[in-house]
Amino acid sequence: MANLVRRENREPARQSSDYRFDPFRVMDALLRWDPFRDDVGGLTQGGEFTARFDVKETKDAYVIKADLPGVKEDDLEVSLNGNMLTIRGKREEERKQEGENYYAIERSSGSFTRSFTLPETADSDNVAADLKDGVLEVRLPKKAEAQPKRISIGQGGQGGQSGSEGKPKAS
């Protein structure tokens, strides 16, 4: 049997001499802080599940991806109301059986909601969502008028005139 040791989800105590400020850790904690929840420094005390999202823009679409391990498709809802895209979901807590002894419980469960305001160039009629291997991908194509248009060079200013027709007459 493996040697199991219970440990806290914290870094080991550091000496003041080797402490280094990590701005990325601080920024992550600030972005994840919710003033309406009993949450300290971005670390949830209740072990709530928190989905992490990536949002990017490509040439022809806006793409939102979320890591949702253990979330079933039936427990996930993607809705669009006007220009507000809302993603809701939940991950169920594992059922504890009689006679099981847990040495560590670090995985979290619970529900989440995240909303995104879409730009006016997003085509809300053709939104597509797909959950594969625990990753949700929502694809919002851009409207046709938002796509870049190629303009030919050398076609402007003459109004289609050619030859001597467009030249002023000499008096």
N, C-alpha and C. Protein backbone atom coordinates (compact mmCIF):
# COMPACT_ATOMS: atom_id res chain seq x y z
N MET A 1 0.84 -1.18 0.00
CA MET A 1 0.00 0.00 0.00
C MET A 1 0.89 1.24 0.00
N ALA A 2 0.44 2.25 -0.69
CA ALA A 2 1.22 3.49 -0.81
C ALA A 2 1.22 4.23 0.52
N ASN A 3 2.26 4.94 0.75
CA ASN A 3 2.40 5.75 1.95
C ASN A 3 1.68 7.08 1.70
N LEU A 4 0.53 7.29 2.30
CA LEU A 4 -0.25 8.51 2.09
C LEU A 4 0.02 9.50 3.20
N VAL A 5 0.30 10.71 2.80
CA VAL A 5 0.57 11.78 3.76
C VAL A 5 -0.39 12.92 3.47
N ARG A 6 -1.09 13.35 4.49
CA ARG A 6 -2.03 14.47 4.31
C ARG A 6 -1.22 15.76 4.27
N ARG A 7 -1.56 16.62 3.28
CA ARG A 7 -0.88 17.90 3.19
C ARG A 7 -1.89 18.99 2.87
N GLU A 8 -1.60 20.18 3.27
CA GLU A 8 -2.45 21.32 3.00
C GLU A 8 -2.21 21.79 1.58
N ASN A 9 -3.17 22.49 1.01
CA ASN A 9 -3.03 23.06 -0.32
C ASN A 9 -2.34 24.41 -0.25
N ARG A 10 -1.24 24.47 0.40
CA ARG A 10 -0.51 25.71 0.56
C ARG A 10 0.96 25.45 0.29
N GLU A 11 1.64 26.52 -0.04
CA GLU A 11 3.07 26.40 -0.25
C GLU A 11 3.75 26.28 1.10
N PRO A 12 4.91 25.68 1.15
CA PRO A 12 5.63 25.61 2.42
C PRO A 12 5.98 27.02 2.91
N ALA A 13 6.06 27.15 4.21
CA ALA A 13 6.40 28.46 4.79
C ALA A 13 7.76 28.89 4.29
N ARG A 14 7.84 30.14 3.89
CA ARG A 14 9.09 30.66 3.35
C ARG A 14 9.78 31.55 4.37
N GLN A 15 11.05 31.52 4.32
CA GLN A 15 11.82 32.44 5.14
C GLN A 15 11.71 33.82 4.49
N SER A 16 11.74 34.87 5.28
CA SER A 16 11.62 36.20 4.73
C SER A 16 12.76 36.53 3.78
N SER A 17 13.89 35.87 3.93
CA SER A 17 15.03 36.16 3.06
C SER A 17 14.86 35.58 1.65
N ASP A 18 14.07 34.47 1.50
CA ASP A 18 13.93 33.90 0.16
C ASP A 18 12.54 34.16 -0.44
N TYR A 19 11.78 35.06 0.13
CA TYR A 19 10.46 35.38 -0.39
C TYR A 19 10.59 36.21 -1.66
N ARG A 20 9.87 35.82 -2.69
CA ARG A 20 9.84 36.57 -3.94
C ARG A 20 8.40 36.91 -4.27
N PHE A 21 8.19 38.14 -4.64
CA PHE A 21 6.86 38.62 -5.00
C PHE A 21 6.49 38.08 -6.38
N ASP A 22 5.33 37.42 -6.49
CA ASP A 22 4.88 36.88 -7.76
C ASP A 22 3.67 37.68 -8.23
N PRO A 23 3.85 38.62 -9.15
CA PRO A 23 2.72 39.46 -9.58
C PRO A 23 1.62 38.67 -10.28
N PHE A 24 1.96 37.56 -10.93
CA PHE A 24 0.95 36.77 -11.61
C PHE A 24 0.01 36.09 -10.62
N ARG A 25 0.56 35.61 -9.51
CA ARG A 25 -0.27 34.99 -8.48
C ARG A 25 -1.21 36.03 -7.85
N VAL A 26 -0.69 37.22 -7.61
CA VAL A 26 -1.50 38.29 -7.03
C VAL A 26 -2.60 38.70 -8.00
N MET A 27 -2.28 38.85 -9.29
CA MET A 27 -3.27 39.24 -10.28
C MET A 27 -4.35 38.17 -10.43
N ASP A 28 -3.95 36.91 -10.41
CA ASP A 28 -4.92 35.82 -10.49
C ASP A 28 -5.88 35.86 -9.30
N ALA A 29 -5.36 36.10 -8.11
CA ALA A 29 -6.20 36.18 -6.92
C ALA A 29 -7.14 37.37 -7.00
N LEU A 30 -6.68 38.49 -7.52
CA LEU A 30 -7.55 39.67 -7.65
C LEU A 30 -8.65 39.46 -8.67
N LEU A 31 -8.33 38.82 -9.79
CA LEU A 31 -9.33 38.59 -10.82
C LEU A 31 -10.38 37.57 -10.39
N ARG A 32 -10.01 36.65 -9.52
CA ARG A 32 -10.94 35.62 -9.09
C ARG A 32 -11.71 36.00 -7.83
N TRP A 33 -11.40 37.14 -7.23
CA TRP A 33 -12.04 37.55 -5.99
C TRP A 33 -13.48 37.97 -6.23
N ASP A 34 -14.39 37.48 -5.42
CA ASP A 34 -15.79 37.85 -5.50
C ASP A 34 -16.18 38.47 -4.16
N PRO A 35 -16.51 39.77 -4.13
CA PRO A 35 -16.79 40.42 -2.85
C PRO A 35 -18.07 39.94 -2.19
N PHE A 36 -18.93 39.24 -2.93
CA PHE A 36 -20.19 38.77 -2.37
C PHE A 36 -20.12 37.35 -1.84
N ARG A 37 -18.94 36.77 -1.86
CA ARG A 37 -18.77 35.41 -1.36
C ARG A 37 -17.68 35.45 -0.30
N ASP A 38 -17.79 34.56 0.67
CA ASP A 38 -16.79 34.50 1.74
C ASP A 38 -15.54 33.83 1.18
N ASP A 39 -14.71 34.64 0.54
CA ASP A 39 -13.57 34.15 -0.19
C ASP A 39 -12.38 35.02 0.16
N VAL A 40 -11.28 34.41 0.54
CA VAL A 40 -10.12 35.18 0.95
C VAL A 40 -8.99 34.92 -0.02
N GLY A 41 -8.52 35.97 -0.67
CA GLY A 41 -7.35 35.87 -1.54
C GLY A 41 -7.49 34.95 -2.72
N GLY A 42 -8.72 34.72 -3.21
CA GLY A 42 -8.91 33.86 -4.37
C GLY A 42 -8.96 32.39 -4.03
N LEU A 43 -8.80 32.03 -2.76
CA LEU A 43 -8.87 30.62 -2.36
C LEU A 43 -10.22 30.39 -1.71
N THR A 44 -11.04 29.59 -2.33
CA THR A 44 -12.37 29.34 -1.77
C THR A 44 -12.24 28.43 -0.57
N GLN A 45 -12.92 28.80 0.50
CA GLN A 45 -12.84 28.02 1.72
C GLN A 45 -13.73 26.80 1.68
N GLY A 46 -14.84 26.89 0.91
CA GLY A 46 -15.77 25.78 0.86
C GLY A 46 -15.40 24.73 -0.17
N GLY A 47 -14.31 24.89 -0.88
CA GLY A 47 -13.92 23.93 -1.89
C GLY A 47 -14.80 23.99 -3.11
N GLU A 48 -15.30 25.17 -3.46
CA GLU A 48 -16.17 25.30 -4.62
C GLU A 48 -15.40 25.11 -5.91
N PHE A 49 -16.09 24.53 -6.88
CA PHE A 49 -15.52 24.36 -8.20
C PHE A 49 -15.55 25.69 -8.93
N THR A 50 -14.42 26.10 -9.50
CA THR A 50 -14.32 27.34 -10.23
C THR A 50 -13.81 27.04 -11.63
N ALA A 51 -14.62 27.36 -12.63
CA ALA A 51 -14.22 27.12 -14.01
C ALA A 51 -13.29 28.23 -14.47
N ARG A 52 -12.29 27.86 -15.25
CA ARG A 52 -11.34 28.83 -15.80
C ARG A 52 -11.60 28.96 -17.30
N PHE A 53 -11.60 30.21 -17.78
CA PHE A 53 -11.95 30.50 -19.16
C PHE A 53 -10.81 31.18 -19.91
N ASP A 54 -10.72 30.90 -21.20
CA ASP A 54 -9.87 31.62 -22.14
C ASP A 54 -10.79 32.24 -23.18
N VAL A 55 -10.54 33.49 -23.52
CA VAL A 55 -11.33 34.18 -24.54
C VAL A 55 -10.36 34.73 -25.57
N LYS A 56 -10.60 34.41 -26.84
CA LYS A 56 -9.72 34.91 -27.88
C LYS A 56 -10.52 35.32 -29.11
N GLU A 57 -9.89 36.16 -29.92
CA GLU A 57 -10.48 36.61 -31.17
C GLU A 57 -9.60 36.12 -32.30
N THR A 58 -10.23 35.48 -33.28
CA THR A 58 -9.51 35.08 -34.48
C THR A 58 -9.98 35.96 -35.63
N LYS A 59 -9.49 35.69 -36.83
CA LYS A 59 -9.86 36.50 -37.99
C LYS A 59 -11.36 36.46 -38.27
N ASP A 60 -11.99 35.31 -38.03
CA ASP A 60 -13.39 35.17 -38.39
C ASP A 60 -14.34 34.84 -37.23
N ALA A 61 -13.83 34.78 -35.98
CA ALA A 61 -14.71 34.40 -34.87
C ALA A 61 -14.13 34.82 -33.53
N TYR A 62 -15.01 34.76 -32.52
CA TYR A 62 -14.61 34.89 -31.12
C TYR A 62 -14.75 33.50 -30.52
N VAL A 63 -13.75 33.06 -29.76
CA VAL A 63 -13.75 31.70 -29.22
C VAL A 63 -13.56 31.77 -27.71
N ILE A 64 -14.45 31.09 -26.99
CA ILE A 64 -14.38 31.00 -25.53
C ILE A 64 -14.18 29.53 -25.19
N LYS A 65 -13.12 29.25 -24.41
CA LYS A 65 -12.86 27.88 -23.99
C LYS A 65 -12.82 27.82 -22.47
N ALA A 66 -13.32 26.72 -21.92
CA ALA A 66 -13.32 26.53 -20.47
C ALA A 66 -12.93 25.11 -20.14
N ASP A 67 -12.08 24.96 -19.13
CA ASP A 67 -11.73 23.64 -18.62
C ASP A 67 -12.81 23.23 -17.62
N LEU A 68 -13.54 22.18 -17.94
CA LEU A 68 -14.64 21.72 -17.10
C LEU A 68 -14.53 20.22 -16.85
N PRO A 69 -13.46 19.77 -16.21
CA PRO A 69 -13.32 18.33 -15.97
C PRO A 69 -14.41 17.82 -15.05
N GLY A 70 -15.01 16.72 -15.43
CA GLY A 70 -16.03 16.10 -14.59
C GLY A 70 -17.41 16.71 -14.72
N VAL A 71 -17.58 17.74 -15.56
CA VAL A 71 -18.90 18.34 -15.76
C VAL A 71 -19.58 17.61 -16.91
N LYS A 72 -20.78 17.10 -16.64
CA LYS A 72 -21.54 16.38 -17.66
C LYS A 72 -22.27 17.38 -18.55
N GLU A 73 -22.52 16.97 -19.78
CA GLU A 73 -23.20 17.84 -20.75
C GLU A 73 -24.60 18.23 -20.24
N ASP A 74 -25.27 17.31 -19.52
CA ASP A 74 -26.59 17.60 -18.98
C ASP A 74 -26.54 18.64 -17.87
N ASP A 75 -25.38 18.82 -17.22
CA ASP A 75 -25.22 19.78 -16.13
C ASP A 75 -24.65 21.11 -16.61
N LEU A 76 -24.68 21.34 -17.91
CA LEU A 76 -24.09 22.53 -18.50
C LEU A 76 -25.14 23.26 -19.31
N GLU A 77 -25.19 24.60 -19.18
CA GLU A 77 -26.15 25.41 -19.93
C GLU A 77 -25.42 26.61 -20.52
N VAL A 78 -25.57 26.79 -21.83
CA VAL A 78 -25.03 27.95 -22.52
C VAL A 78 -26.22 28.70 -23.09
N SER A 79 -26.38 29.98 -22.68
CA SER A 79 -27.54 30.75 -23.15
C SER A 79 -27.09 32.11 -23.64
N LEU A 80 -27.90 32.69 -24.51
CA LEU A 80 -27.62 33.99 -25.08
C LEU A 80 -28.86 34.86 -24.93
N ASN A 81 -28.69 36.01 -24.29
CA ASN A 81 -29.78 36.95 -24.09
C ASN A 81 -29.29 38.31 -24.57
N GLY A 82 -29.74 38.72 -25.75
CA GLY A 82 -29.24 39.96 -26.35
C GLY A 82 -27.77 39.78 -26.71
N ASN A 83 -26.91 40.60 -26.13
CA ASN A 83 -25.47 40.45 -26.38
C ASN A 83 -24.74 39.87 -25.17
N MET A 84 -25.48 39.21 -24.26
CA MET A 84 -24.91 38.62 -23.05
C MET A 84 -24.93 37.10 -23.17
N LEU A 85 -23.73 36.51 -23.23
CA LEU A 85 -23.57 35.06 -23.27
C LEU A 85 -23.32 34.57 -21.85
N THR A 86 -24.13 33.63 -21.38
CA THR A 86 -24.00 33.11 -20.01
C THR A 86 -23.74 31.61 -20.07
N ILE A 87 -22.76 31.19 -19.29
CA ILE A 87 -22.42 29.77 -19.19
C ILE A 87 -22.60 29.36 -17.74
N ARG A 88 -23.48 28.36 -17.51
CA ARG A 88 -23.74 27.86 -16.16
C ARG A 88 -23.46 26.36 -16.14
N GLY A 89 -23.02 25.90 -15.01
CA GLY A 89 -22.79 24.47 -14.89
C GLY A 89 -22.58 24.06 -13.46
N LYS A 90 -22.47 22.76 -13.26
CA LYS A 90 -22.18 22.25 -11.92
C LYS A 90 -21.45 20.93 -12.04
N ARG A 91 -20.63 20.70 -11.03
CA ARG A 91 -19.93 19.42 -10.92
C ARG A 91 -20.37 18.82 -9.61
N GLU A 92 -20.94 17.64 -9.70
CA GLU A 92 -21.48 16.97 -8.53
C GLU A 92 -20.37 16.46 -7.62
N GLU A 93 -20.66 16.49 -6.33
CA GLU A 93 -19.72 15.93 -5.36
C GLU A 93 -19.79 14.41 -5.43
N GLU A 94 -18.65 13.78 -5.32
CA GLU A 94 -18.59 12.33 -5.37
C GLU A 94 -19.29 11.76 -4.14
N ARG A 95 -20.08 10.76 -4.34
CA ARG A 95 -20.80 10.12 -3.24
C ARG A 95 -19.83 9.31 -2.38
N LYS A 96 -19.90 9.52 -1.09
CA LYS A 96 -19.04 8.78 -0.17
C LYS A 96 -19.78 7.53 0.28
N GLN A 97 -19.12 6.41 0.16
CA GLN A 97 -19.71 5.13 0.52
C GLN A 97 -19.33 4.76 1.95
N GLU A 98 -20.20 4.02 2.58
CA GLU A 98 -19.93 3.53 3.93
C GLU A 98 -18.70 2.63 3.90
N GLY A 99 -17.81 2.83 4.84
CA GLY A 99 -16.61 2.02 4.94
C GLY A 99 -15.42 2.58 4.18
N GLU A 100 -15.58 3.69 3.48
CA GLU A 100 -14.46 4.30 2.77
C GLU A 100 -13.76 5.30 3.69
N ASN A 101 -12.46 5.26 3.68
CA ASN A 101 -11.66 6.21 4.46
C ASN A 101 -10.92 7.12 3.50
N TYR A 102 -11.14 8.41 3.63
CA TYR A 102 -10.45 9.39 2.79
C TYR A 102 -9.24 9.94 3.54
N TYR A 103 -8.11 9.96 2.89
CA TYR A 103 -6.90 10.53 3.47
C TYR A 103 -6.69 11.96 3.01
N ALA A 104 -7.25 12.31 1.87
CA ALA A 104 -7.18 13.68 1.36
C ALA A 104 -8.38 13.91 0.46
N ILE A 105 -8.98 15.08 0.56
CA ILE A 105 -10.06 15.49 -0.33
C ILE A 105 -9.67 16.86 -0.85
N GLU A 106 -9.19 16.90 -2.08
CA GLU A 106 -8.71 18.15 -2.67
C GLU A 106 -9.53 18.57 -3.88
N ARG A 107 -10.27 17.65 -4.48
CA ARG A 107 -11.08 18.01 -5.64
C ARG A 107 -12.32 18.74 -5.18
N SER A 108 -12.73 19.73 -5.94
CA SER A 108 -13.86 20.55 -5.53
C SER A 108 -15.09 20.24 -6.38
N SER A 109 -16.23 20.65 -5.87
CA SER A 109 -17.49 20.48 -6.58
C SER A 109 -18.34 21.72 -6.34
N GLY A 110 -19.41 21.82 -7.08
CA GLY A 110 -20.30 22.96 -6.92
C GLY A 110 -20.74 23.50 -8.26
N SER A 111 -21.41 24.65 -8.21
CA SER A 111 -21.93 25.25 -9.44
C SER A 111 -21.19 26.54 -9.74
N PHE A 112 -21.26 26.96 -10.99
CA PHE A 112 -20.61 28.19 -11.42
C PHE A 112 -21.48 28.88 -12.46
N THR A 113 -21.30 30.17 -12.59
CA THR A 113 -21.95 30.98 -13.62
C THR A 113 -20.94 32.00 -14.10
N ARG A 114 -20.86 32.18 -15.40
CA ARG A 114 -19.96 33.18 -15.97
C ARG A 114 -20.66 33.82 -17.15
N SER A 115 -20.63 35.15 -17.22
CA SER A 115 -21.28 35.88 -18.31
C SER A 115 -20.26 36.71 -19.06
N PHE A 116 -20.47 36.83 -20.37
CA PHE A 116 -19.60 37.60 -21.25
C PHE A 116 -20.46 38.53 -22.09
N THR A 117 -20.07 39.79 -22.17
CA THR A 117 -20.74 40.74 -23.04
C THR A 117 -20.10 40.64 -24.41
N LEU A 118 -20.91 40.35 -25.41
CA LEU A 118 -20.39 40.13 -26.76
C LEU A 118 -20.29 41.45 -27.52
N PRO A 119 -19.30 41.58 -28.38
CA PRO A 119 -19.21 42.77 -29.21
C PRO A 119 -20.31 42.74 -30.28
N GLU A 120 -20.62 43.88 -30.83
CA GLU A 120 -21.70 43.95 -31.83
C GLU A 120 -21.34 43.23 -33.11
N THR A 121 -20.07 42.96 -33.33
CA THR A 121 -19.65 42.26 -34.55
C THR A 121 -19.86 40.75 -34.46
N ALA A 122 -20.26 40.23 -33.30
CA ALA A 122 -20.50 38.79 -33.15
C ALA A 122 -21.84 38.42 -33.76
N ASP A 123 -21.86 37.32 -34.50
CA ASP A 123 -23.08 36.83 -35.13
C ASP A 123 -23.79 35.89 -34.16
N SER A 124 -24.72 36.44 -33.39
CA SER A 124 -25.37 35.67 -32.33
C SER A 124 -26.34 34.61 -32.87
N ASP A 125 -26.65 34.65 -34.15
CA ASP A 125 -27.55 33.65 -34.73
C ASP A 125 -26.83 32.33 -35.05
N ASN A 126 -25.52 32.34 -35.07
CA ASN A 126 -24.76 31.14 -35.46
C ASN A 126 -23.77 30.69 -34.40
N VAL A 127 -24.15 30.79 -33.13
CA VAL A 127 -23.28 30.37 -32.03
C VAL A 127 -23.25 28.84 -31.97
N ALA A 128 -22.07 28.29 -31.75
CA ALA A 128 -21.91 26.84 -31.64
C ALA A 128 -21.14 26.52 -30.37
N ALA A 129 -21.60 25.50 -29.64
CA ALA A 129 -20.93 25.07 -28.40
C ALA A 129 -20.67 23.58 -28.48
N ASP A 130 -19.49 23.17 -27.97
CA ASP A 130 -19.12 21.76 -28.01
C ASP A 130 -18.34 21.42 -26.74
N LEU A 131 -18.71 20.32 -26.09
CA LEU A 131 -18.00 19.83 -24.90
C LEU A 131 -17.31 18.53 -25.28
N LYS A 132 -15.95 18.56 -25.25
CA LYS A 132 -15.19 17.38 -25.64
C LYS A 132 -14.00 17.24 -24.71
N ASP A 133 -13.84 16.07 -24.13
CA ASP A 133 -12.72 15.76 -23.23
C ASP A 133 -12.60 16.76 -22.09
N GLY A 134 -13.74 17.22 -21.56
CA GLY A 134 -13.72 18.13 -20.43
C GLY A 134 -13.43 19.57 -20.78
N VAL A 135 -13.41 19.91 -22.07
CA VAL A 135 -13.16 21.29 -22.49
C VAL A 135 -14.37 21.77 -23.28
N LEU A 136 -14.98 22.87 -22.80
CA LEU A 136 -16.10 23.49 -23.51
C LEU A 136 -15.54 24.53 -24.46
N GLU A 137 -15.99 24.49 -25.71
CA GLU A 137 -15.61 25.51 -26.68
C GLU A 137 -16.87 26.15 -27.24
N VAL A 138 -16.99 27.46 -27.07
CA VAL A 138 -18.11 28.22 -27.63
C VAL A 138 -17.52 29.08 -28.73
N ARG A 139 -18.06 28.94 -29.93
CA ARG A 139 -17.55 29.67 -31.10
C ARG A 139 -18.63 30.64 -31.59
N LEU A 140 -18.26 31.91 -31.64
CA LEU A 140 -19.17 32.96 -32.10
C LEU A 140 -18.60 33.57 -33.37
N PRO A 141 -19.13 33.21 -34.54
CA PRO A 141 -18.58 33.78 -35.77
C PRO A 141 -18.82 35.29 -35.84
N LYS A 142 -17.98 35.97 -36.58
CA LYS A 142 -18.17 37.40 -36.79
C LYS A 142 -19.16 37.61 -37.93
N LYS A 143 -19.90 38.71 -37.87
CA LYS A 143 -20.83 39.05 -38.94
C LYS A 143 -20.04 39.32 -40.21
N ALA A 144 -20.69 39.10 -41.37
CA ALA A 144 -20.02 39.27 -42.66
C ALA A 144 -19.50 40.70 -42.83
N GLU A 145 -20.27 41.69 -42.36
CA GLU A 145 -19.82 43.07 -42.53
C GLU A 145 -18.63 43.40 -41.63
N ALA A 146 -18.36 42.57 -40.64
CA ALA A 146 -17.21 42.79 -39.76
C ALA A 146 -15.94 42.16 -40.32
N GLN A 147 -16.09 41.32 -41.34
CA GLN A 147 -14.93 40.67 -41.96
C GLN A 147 -14.15 41.71 -42.77
N PRO A 148 -12.83 41.62 -42.77
CA PRO A 148 -12.04 42.56 -43.57
C PRO A 148 -12.33 42.37 -45.06
N LYS A 149 -12.40 43.48 -45.78
CA LYS A 149 -12.66 43.43 -47.23
C LYS A 149 -11.39 43.84 -47.96
N ARG A 150 -11.12 43.15 -49.03
CA ARG A 150 -9.94 43.46 -49.84
C ARG A 150 -10.36 44.47 -50.90
N ILE A 151 -9.60 45.54 -50.99
CA ILE A 151 -9.88 46.60 -51.95
C ILE A 151 -8.78 46.59 -53.00
N SER A 152 -9.19 46.55 -54.25
CA SER A 152 -8.22 46.53 -55.34
C SER A 152 -7.56 47.90 -55.47
N ILE A 153 -6.30 47.92 -55.80
CA ILE A 153 -5.55 49.16 -55.97
C ILE A 153 -5.58 49.55 -57.44
N GLY A 154 -5.75 50.84 -57.70
CA GLY A 154 -5.74 51.34 -59.07
C GLY A 154 -7.12 51.43 -59.68
N GLN A 155 -8.16 51.26 -58.92
CA GLN A 155 -9.53 51.30 -59.44
C GLN A 155 -10.26 52.58 -59.04
N GLY A 156 -9.64 53.45 -58.28
CA GLY A 156 -10.38 54.60 -57.76
C GLY A 156 -10.10 55.89 -58.50
N GLY A 157 -11.02 56.85 -58.38
CA GLY A 157 -10.81 58.22 -58.85
C GLY A 157 -11.20 58.48 -60.29
N GLN A 158 -11.20 57.52 -61.21
CA GLN A 158 -11.48 57.79 -62.63
C GLN A 158 -12.94 57.60 -62.97
N GLY A 159 -13.68 56.92 -62.11
CA GLY A 159 -15.11 56.72 -62.38
C GLY A 159 -15.36 55.90 -63.62
N GLY A 160 -14.44 55.05 -64.01
CA GLY A 160 -14.65 54.17 -65.15
C GLY A 160 -14.30 54.82 -66.48
N GLN A 161 -13.78 56.04 -66.51
CA GLN A 161 -13.44 56.70 -67.77
C GLN A 161 -12.11 56.19 -68.26
N SER A 162 -11.98 56.07 -69.56
CA SER A 162 -10.72 55.63 -70.13
C SER A 162 -10.43 56.40 -71.41
N GLY A 163 -9.22 56.38 -71.84
CA GLY A 163 -8.84 57.02 -73.09
C GLY A 163 -8.99 58.53 -73.04
N SER A 164 -9.39 59.13 -74.20
CA SER A 164 -9.48 60.58 -74.31
C SER A 164 -10.82 61.12 -73.88
N GLU A 165 -11.78 60.21 -73.55
CA GLU A 165 -13.11 60.67 -73.20
C GLU A 165 -13.11 61.52 -71.96
N GLY A 166 -12.23 61.23 -71.03
CA GLY A 166 -12.21 61.92 -69.76
C GLY A 166 -11.34 63.15 -69.76
N LYS A 167 -10.64 63.46 -70.90
CA LYS A 167 -9.75 64.60 -70.94
C LYS A 167 -10.51 65.86 -71.31
N PRO A 168 -10.15 66.98 -70.72
CA PRO A 168 -10.82 68.22 -71.11
C PRO A 168 -10.41 68.62 -72.54
N LYS A 169 -11.37 69.25 -73.23
CA LYS A 169 -11.10 69.67 -74.62
C LYS A 169 -10.29 70.96 -74.61
N ALA A 170 -9.42 71.05 -75.59
CA ALA A 170 -8.62 72.28 -75.74
C ALA A 170 -9.42 73.30 -76.53
N SER A 171 -9.32 74.58 -76.26
CA SER A 171 -10.08 75.58 -76.97
C SER A 171 -9.26 76.29 -78.01
